[in-house]
C-alpha atoms as a PDB file:
ATOM      1  CA  MET A   1      55.804  28.964  86.932  1.00  0.00           C
ATOM      2  CA  VAL A   2      54.877  32.290  85.362  1.00  0.00           C
ATOM      3  CA  ASN A   3      52.779  31.997  82.211  1.00  0.00           C
ATOM      4  CA  THR A   4      53.353  34.340  79.299  1.00  0.00           C
ATOM      5  CA  ALA A   5      50.418  35.901  77.449  1.00  0.00           C
ATOM      6  CA  ALA A   6      50.928  33.407  74.615  1.00  0.00           C
ATOM      7  CA  GLU A   7      50.842  30.454  77.023  1.00  0.00           C
ATOM      8  CA  THR A   8      47.729  31.814  78.710  1.00  0.00           C
ATOM      9  CA  ASP A   9      46.105  32.090  75.290  1.00  0.00           C
ATOM     10  CA  ILE A  10      46.955  28.537  74.246  1.00  0.00           C
ATOM     11  CA  ALA A  11      45.807  27.277  77.646  1.00  0.00           C
ATOM     12  CA  SER A  12      42.369  28.718  76.886  1.00  0.00           C
ATOM     13  CA  GLN A  13      42.275  26.808  73.583  1.00  0.00           C
ATOM     14  CA  VAL A  14      43.103  23.345  74.902  1.00  0.00           C
ATOM     15  CA  LYS A  15      41.753  21.115  77.635  1.00  0.00           C
ATOM     16  CA  ALA A  16      43.753  18.734  79.809  1.00  0.00           C
ATOM     17  CA  VAL A  17      41.991  15.425  80.479  1.00  0.00           C
ATOM     18  CA  PHE A  18      42.961  11.905  81.429  1.00  0.00           C
ATOM     19  CA  LEU A  19      43.359   9.662  78.403  1.00  0.00           C
ATOM     20  CA  ALA A  20      40.698   7.130  77.482  1.00  0.00           C
ATOM     21  CA  ALA A  21      41.411   3.719  75.953  1.00  0.00           C
ATOM     22  CA  GLU A  22      40.633   5.008  72.475  1.00  0.00           C
ATOM     23  CA  ASP A  23      43.323   7.708  72.846  1.00  0.00           C
ATOM     24  CA  LEU A  24      46.212   5.299  73.404  1.00  0.00           C
ATOM     25  CA  LYS A  25      46.999   4.703  69.728  1.00  0.00           C
ATOM     26  CA  ILE A  26      47.427   8.425  68.992  1.00  0.00           C
ATOM     27  CA  ALA A  27      49.298   8.903  72.274  1.00  0.00           C
ATOM     28  CA  ALA A  28      51.728   6.138  71.288  1.00  0.00           C
ATOM     29  CA  SER A  29      52.330   7.831  67.924  1.00  0.00           C
ATOM     30  CA  ILE A  30      53.066  11.197  69.595  1.00  0.00           C
ATOM     31  CA  LEU A  31      55.477   9.603  72.061  1.00  0.00           C
ATOM     32  CA  TYR A  32      57.177   7.562  69.339  1.00  0.00           C
ATOM     33  CA  GLN A  33      58.000  10.770  67.479  1.00  0.00           C
ATOM     34  CA  ALA A  34      59.068  12.486  70.688  1.00  0.00           C
ATOM     35  CA  TYR A  35      61.511   9.728  71.669  1.00  0.00           C
ATOM     36  CA  HIS A  36      62.685   8.506  68.258  1.00  0.00           C
ATOM     37  CA  ASP A  37      65.952  10.461  68.521  1.00  0.00           C
ATOM     38  CA  ASP A  38      66.398  10.200  72.276  1.00  0.00           C
ATOM     39  CA  PRO A  39      69.927   8.834  72.811  1.00  0.00           C
ATOM     40  CA  LEU A  40      68.844   6.524  75.627  1.00  0.00           C
ATOM     41  CA  PHE A  41      66.135   4.810  73.584  1.00  0.00           C
ATOM     42  CA  MET A  42      68.428   4.696  70.571  1.00  0.00           C
ATOM     43  CA  ASP A  43      70.975   2.875  72.720  1.00  0.00           C
ATOM     44  CA  ILE A  44      68.529   0.542  74.490  1.00  0.00           C
ATOM     45  CA  PHE A  45      66.767  -0.525  71.286  1.00  0.00           C
ATOM     46  CA  ASP A  46      69.876  -0.421  69.076  1.00  0.00           C
ATOM     47  CA  ALA A  47      69.172   2.268  66.502  1.00  0.00           C
ATOM     48  CA  ASN A  48      72.030   0.968  64.355  1.00  0.00           C
ATOM     49  CA  ASP A  49      70.347  -2.380  63.822  1.00  0.00           C
ATOM     50  CA  ASP A  50      67.448  -3.074  61.471  1.00  0.00           C
ATOM     51  CA  GLY A  51      64.058  -2.920  63.142  1.00  0.00           C
ATOM     52  CA  TYR A  52      64.788  -0.073  65.571  1.00  0.00           C
ATOM     53  CA  GLU A  53      61.577   1.777  64.689  1.00  0.00           C
ATOM     54  CA  GLN A  54      59.479  -1.355  65.156  1.00  0.00           C
ATOM     55  CA  ARG A  55      61.100  -2.155  68.523  1.00  0.00           C
ATOM     56  CA  LEU A  56      60.607   1.394  69.768  1.00  0.00           C
ATOM     57  CA  ARG A  57      56.975   1.535  68.621  1.00  0.00           C
ATOM     58  CA  SER A  58      56.271  -1.815  70.258  1.00  0.00           C
ATOM     59  CA  ALA A  59      57.916  -0.819  73.527  1.00  0.00           C
ATOM     60  CA  ILE A  60      55.965   2.447  73.776  1.00  0.00           C
ATOM     61  CA  ARG A  61      52.718   0.685  72.892  1.00  0.00           C
ATOM     62  CA  GLU A  62      53.257  -1.966  75.577  1.00  0.00           C
ATOM     63  CA  GLU A  63      54.213   0.692  78.136  1.00  0.00           C
ATOM     64  CA  LEU A  64      51.002   2.631  77.505  1.00  0.00           C
ATOM     65  CA  ASN A  65      48.926  -0.540  77.710  1.00  0.00           C
ATOM     66  CA  ALA A  66      50.603  -1.336  81.026  1.00  0.00           C
ATOM     67  CA  PHE A  67      49.951   2.186  82.320  1.00  0.00           C
ATOM     68  CA  TRP A  68      46.297   1.829  81.354  1.00  0.00           C
ATOM     69  CA  THR A  69      45.925  -1.594  82.997  1.00  0.00           C
ATOM     70  CA  ALA A  70      47.537  -0.329  86.212  1.00  0.00           C
ATOM     71  CA  LYS A  71      45.428   2.868  86.205  1.00  0.00           C
ATOM     72  CA  GLN A  72      48.438   5.157  86.220  1.00  0.00           C
ATOM     73  CA  PRO A  73      47.816   8.842  85.361  1.00  0.00           C
ATOM     74  CA  MET A  74      48.088   9.610  81.664  1.00  0.00           C
ATOM     75  CA  VAL A  75      47.021  13.141  80.759  1.00  0.00           C
ATOM     76  CA  GLY A  76      46.547  14.611  77.301  1.00  0.00           C
ATOM     77  CA  LEU A  77      46.011  18.073  75.886  1.00  0.00           C
ATOM     78  CA  PHE A  78      43.145  18.237  73.406  1.00  0.00           C
ATOM     79  CA  GLU A  79      42.231  20.987  70.975  1.00  0.00           C
ATOM     80  CA  GLU A  80      38.629  20.100  70.225  1.00  0.00           C
ATOM     81  CA  ASP A  81      38.938  16.359  69.456  1.00  0.00           C
ATOM     82  CA  ARG A  82      42.625  16.361  68.487  1.00  0.00           C
ATOM     83  CA  LEU A  83      45.181  14.992  70.922  1.00  0.00           C
ATOM     84  CA  LEU A  84      48.205  17.301  70.807  1.00  0.00           C
ATOM     85  CA  ALA A  85      50.381  16.374  73.787  1.00  0.00           C
ATOM     86  CA  VAL A  86      50.763  13.575  76.337  1.00  0.00           C
ATOM     87  CA  ALA A  87      52.349  13.017  79.744  1.00  0.00           C
ATOM     88  CA  CYS A  88      52.503   9.673  81.574  1.00  0.00           C
ATOM     89  CA  LEU A  89      53.286   9.417  85.270  1.00  0.00           C
ATOM     90  CA  ILE A  90      53.731   6.691  87.850  1.00  0.00           C
ATOM     91  CA  SER A  91      51.931   7.396  91.124  1.00  0.00           C
ATOM     92  CA  PRO A  92      53.577   7.280  94.558  1.00  0.00           C
ATOM     93  CA  ASN A  93      53.351   3.990  96.460  1.00  0.00           C
ATOM     94  CA  SER A  94      52.287   2.234  93.282  1.00  0.00           C
ATOM     95  CA  ALA A  95      52.824  -1.482  92.742  1.00  0.00           C
ATOM     96  CA  PHE A  96      53.515  -0.434  89.160  1.00  0.00           C
ATOM     97  CA  GLY A  97      57.266  -0.625  89.636  1.00  0.00           C
ATOM     98  CA  PRO A  98      60.204  -1.240  87.305  1.00  0.00           C
ATOM     99  CA  GLY A  99      59.394  -4.946  87.064  1.00  0.00           C
ATOM    100  CA  ARG A 100      55.803  -4.249  85.962  1.00  0.00           C
ATOM    101  CA  PHE A 101      53.933  -7.568  85.865  1.00  0.00           C
ATOM    102  CA  TRP A 102      54.512 -10.863  84.154  1.00  0.00           C
ATOM    103  CA  HIS A 103      52.382 -10.295  81.034  1.00  0.00           C
ATOM    104  CA  TRP A 104      54.090  -6.912  80.451  1.00  0.00           C
ATOM    105  CA  ARG A 105      57.475  -8.627  80.610  1.00  0.00           C
ATOM    106  CA  LEU A 106      56.326 -11.354  78.238  1.00  0.00           C
ATOM    107  CA  LYS A 107      54.954  -8.910  75.667  1.00  0.00           C
ATOM    108  CA  MET A 108      58.036  -6.721  75.932  1.00  0.00           C
ATOM    109  CA  LEU A 109      60.304  -9.711  75.429  1.00  0.00           C
ATOM    110  CA  LEU A 110      58.375 -10.698  72.310  1.00  0.00           C
ATOM    111  CA  THR A 111      58.328  -7.186  70.827  1.00  0.00           C
ATOM    112  CA  ALA A 112      61.341  -5.258  72.134  1.00  0.00           C
ATOM    113  CA  GLY A 113      63.643  -8.219  72.802  1.00  0.00           C
ATOM    114  CA  PHE A 114      65.403  -9.462  75.936  1.00  0.00           C
ATOM    115  CA  PHE A 115      68.149  -6.846  75.982  1.00  0.00           C
ATOM    116  CA  GLY A 116      65.794  -3.901  75.432  1.00  0.00           C
ATOM    117  CA  THR A 117      63.372  -5.131  78.102  1.00  0.00           C
ATOM    118  CA  ARG A 118      66.156  -5.633  80.641  1.00  0.00           C
ATOM    119  CA  GLN A 119      67.586  -2.195  79.918  1.00  0.00           C
ATOM    120  CA  MET A 120      64.166  -0.547  80.337  1.00  0.00           C
ATOM    121  CA  VAL A 121      63.719  -2.183  83.739  1.00  0.00           C
ATOM    122  CA  GLU A 122      67.257  -1.352  84.879  1.00  0.00           C
ATOM    123  CA  LYS A 123      66.938   2.265  83.730  1.00  0.00           C
ATOM    124  CA  GLU A 124      63.851   2.928  85.805  1.00  0.00           C
ATOM    125  CA  GLN A 125      65.247   1.169  88.869  1.00  0.00           C
ATOM    126  CA  ARG A 126      68.549   3.055  88.751  1.00  0.00           C
ATOM    127  CA  VAL A 127      66.806   6.399  88.400  1.00  0.00           C
ATOM    128  CA  ARG A 128      64.535   5.592  91.345  1.00  0.00           C
ATOM    129  CA  ASP A 129      67.530   4.575  93.454  1.00  0.00           C
ATOM    130  CA  HIS A 130      69.055   8.044  92.994  1.00  0.00           C
ATOM    131  CA  ILE A 131      66.014  10.208  93.764  1.00  0.00           C
ATOM    132  CA  PRO A 132      66.273  11.340  97.413  1.00  0.00           C
ATOM    133  CA  HIS A 133      62.574  11.029  98.200  1.00  0.00           C
ATOM    134  CA  GLU A 134      60.228   8.245  99.254  1.00  0.00           C
ATOM    135  CA  ASN A 135      56.812   9.230  97.902  1.00  0.00           C
ATOM    136  CA  TYR A 136      56.763  10.965  94.550  1.00  0.00           C
ATOM    137  CA  HIS A 137      55.462  10.766  91.012  1.00  0.00           C
ATOM    138  CA  MET A 138      57.772   9.669  88.212  1.00  0.00           C
ATOM    139  CA  LEU A 139      57.369  11.332  84.824  1.00  0.00           C
ATOM    140  CA  SER A 140      57.980   8.472  82.416  1.00  0.00           C
ATOM    141  CA  PHE A 141      56.933  10.030  79.099  1.00  0.00           C
ATOM    142  CA  ILE A 142      56.137  13.513  77.852  1.00  0.00           C
ATOM    143  CA  GLY A 143      55.676  14.589  74.240  1.00  0.00           C
ATOM    144  CA  VAL A 144      54.045  17.161  71.984  1.00  0.00           C
ATOM    145  CA  HIS A 145      52.885  16.405  68.439  1.00  0.00           C
ATOM    146  CA  PRO A 146      55.558  17.683  65.989  1.00  0.00           C
ATOM    147  CA  ASP A 147      52.993  19.804  64.123  1.00  0.00           C
ATOM    148  CA  HIS A 148      52.059  21.659  67.320  1.00  0.00           C
ATOM    149  CA  GLN A 149      55.410  22.350  68.936  1.00  0.00           C
ATOM    150  CA  HIS A 150      56.566  25.857  69.860  1.00  0.00           C
ATOM    151  CA  ARG A 151      53.032  26.824  70.874  1.00  0.00           C
ATOM    152  CA  GLY A 152      53.655  26.614  74.629  1.00  0.00           C
ATOM    153  CA  LEU A 153      51.852  23.283  74.974  1.00  0.00           C
ATOM    154  CA  GLY A 154      54.693  21.793  76.983  1.00  0.00           C
ATOM    155  CA  HIS A 155      54.260  24.422  79.677  1.00  0.00           C
ATOM    156  CA  VAL A 156      50.500  23.900  79.720  1.00  0.00           C
ATOM    157  CA  LEU A 157      51.194  20.184  80.195  1.00  0.00           C
ATOM    158  CA  MET A 158      53.473  21.078  83.116  1.00  0.00           C
ATOM    159  CA  GLY A 159      50.515  22.818  84.734  1.00  0.00           C
ATOM    160  CA  ALA A 160      48.403  19.692  84.278  1.00  0.00           C
ATOM    161  CA  ILE A 161      51.138  17.635  85.955  1.00  0.00           C
ATOM    162  CA  ASP A 162      51.113  20.051  88.903  1.00  0.00           C
ATOM    163  CA  SER A 163      47.355  19.500  89.222  1.00  0.00           C
ATOM    164  CA  ILE A 164      47.904  15.743  89.396  1.00  0.00           C
ATOM    165  CA  LEU A 165      50.486  16.228  92.162  1.00  0.00           C
ATOM    166  CA  LEU A 166      48.135  18.431  94.164  1.00  0.00           C
ATOM    167  CA  ASP A 167      45.420  15.785  93.918  1.00  0.00           C
ATOM    168  CA  GLU A 168      47.745  13.253  95.587  1.00  0.00           C
ATOM    169  CA  PRO A 169      48.402  14.403  99.199  1.00  0.00           C
ATOM    170  CA  THR A 170      51.286  11.984  99.746  1.00  0.00           C
ATOM    171  CA  SER A 171      53.310  13.049  96.708  1.00  0.00           C
ATOM    172  CA  GLU A 172      56.453  15.031  97.484  1.00  0.00           C
ATOM    173  CA  GLY A 173      56.891  16.036  93.849  1.00  0.00           C
ATOM    174  CA  VAL A 174      57.824  14.546  90.481  1.00  0.00           C
ATOM    175  CA  GLY A 175      61.095  13.106  89.201  1.00  0.00           C
ATOM    176  CA  VAL A 176      62.302  12.738  85.625  1.00  0.00           C
ATOM    177  CA  TYR A 177      65.392  11.423  83.838  1.00  0.00           C
ATOM    178  CA  VAL A 178      66.449  13.740  81.010  1.00  0.00           C
ATOM    179  CA  THR A 179      68.763  12.513  78.251  1.00  0.00           C
ATOM    180  CA  LEU A 180      68.083  15.068  75.514  1.00  0.00           C
ATOM    181  CA  PRO A 181      70.153  18.240  76.151  1.00  0.00           C
ATOM    182  CA  LYS A 182      67.537  20.434  74.459  1.00  0.00           C
ATOM    183  CA  CYS A 183      65.004  19.338  77.085  1.00  0.00           C
ATOM    184  CA  LEU A 184      67.073  20.514  80.060  1.00  0.00           C
ATOM    185  CA  SER A 185      66.077  24.157  79.618  1.00  0.00           C
ATOM    186  CA  PHE A 186      62.415  23.124  79.390  1.00  0.00           C
ATOM    187  CA  PHE A 187      62.555  21.365  82.754  1.00  0.00           C
ATOM    188  CA  ASN A 188      64.678  24.139  84.263  1.00  0.00           C
ATOM    189  CA  ASP A 189      62.004  26.626  83.229  1.00  0.00           C
ATOM    190  CA  GLY A 190      59.467  24.388  84.952  1.00  0.00           C
ATOM    191  CA  HIS A 191      61.405  24.661  88.239  1.00  0.00           C
ATOM    192  CA  TYR A 192      62.775  21.141  88.131  1.00  0.00           C
ATOM    193  CA  GLU A 193      65.916  20.989  90.253  1.00  0.00           C
ATOM    194  CA  HIS A 194      69.041  19.112  89.226  1.00  0.00           C
ATOM    195  CA  VAL A 195      69.627  16.079  91.453  1.00  0.00           C
ATOM    196  CA  GLU A 196      72.616  14.394  89.838  1.00  0.00           C
ATOM    197  CA  GLU A 197      74.120  13.093  86.630  1.00  0.00           C
ATOM    198  CA  LEU A 198      73.550   9.402  86.002  1.00  0.00           C
ATOM    199  CA  GLY A 199      74.842   7.024  83.373  1.00  0.00           C
ATOM    200  CA  VAL A 200      72.424   4.377  82.082  1.00  0.00           C
ATOM    201  CA  ALA A 201      73.546   1.871  79.462  1.00  0.00           C
ATOM    202  CA  HIS A 202      76.043   3.919  77.409  1.00  0.00           C
ATOM    203  CA  ILE A 203      74.232   7.224  77.890  1.00  0.00           C
ATOM    204  CA  THR A 204      74.592   9.938  80.500  1.00  0.00           C
ATOM    205  CA  GLY A 205      71.508  11.863  81.578  1.00  0.00           C
ATOM    206  CA  GLN A 206      70.339  14.183  84.316  1.00  0.00           C
ATOM    207  CA  ILE A 207      67.985  13.272  87.150  1.00  0.00           C
ATOM    208  CA  MET A 208      65.736  16.241  87.906  1.00  0.00           C
ATOM    209  CA  PHE A 209      63.044  16.744  90.529  1.00  0.00           C
ATOM    210  CA  ARG A 210      60.264  19.284  90.955  1.00  0.00           C
ATOM    211  CA  PRO A 211      59.091  19.590  94.574  1.00  0.00           C
ATOM    212  CA  ARG A 212      55.396  19.636  95.282  1.00  0.00           C
ATOM    213  CA  PRO A 213      53.954  23.074  94.466  1.00  0.00           C
ATOM    214  CA  GLU A 214      53.099  25.153  97.513  1.00  0.00           C
END
């Protein structure tokens, strides 16, 4: 990935670090805003029914808590003490699979409902079944604070993801399931390759994969 002068400048202003427990609340807020209008989440958590916002917030909160408990990589971009962007990945060979663990399922059932929980599990499993690799990271969430978009932070976050891949010798790369059309160009610019189109629930998205950087 070739950085522009603007991206190089913003990269010098922010630092990429793994999230701490006290960062999870702000991270959940950033991701909630990033995924509020995502057609897949709108379908899974029924945006046409009352309580959509609460179900989505609860699901993202429980996901981040599960990531933290399982010690999965969650990286944030900070400008001084302000968290501006977040990416959450699942490591290769991790027991942190689509089923998660029993207390995650219980909390998700209580907050997001049976249908939403089942759809979340099925979505991740179906995407994994269609990625033609054995050992790889999965990019589950990525988001930039609305007040700090169009500053090149997304591309800086991509660089942080590459660093995580390089720190894991067994990882063949990183996969992602993209359901927002406006995000396709972002991942294309980041050298993510199109794998195939996949329908999940009532939504069609694109599976993309970025091979391990040389």
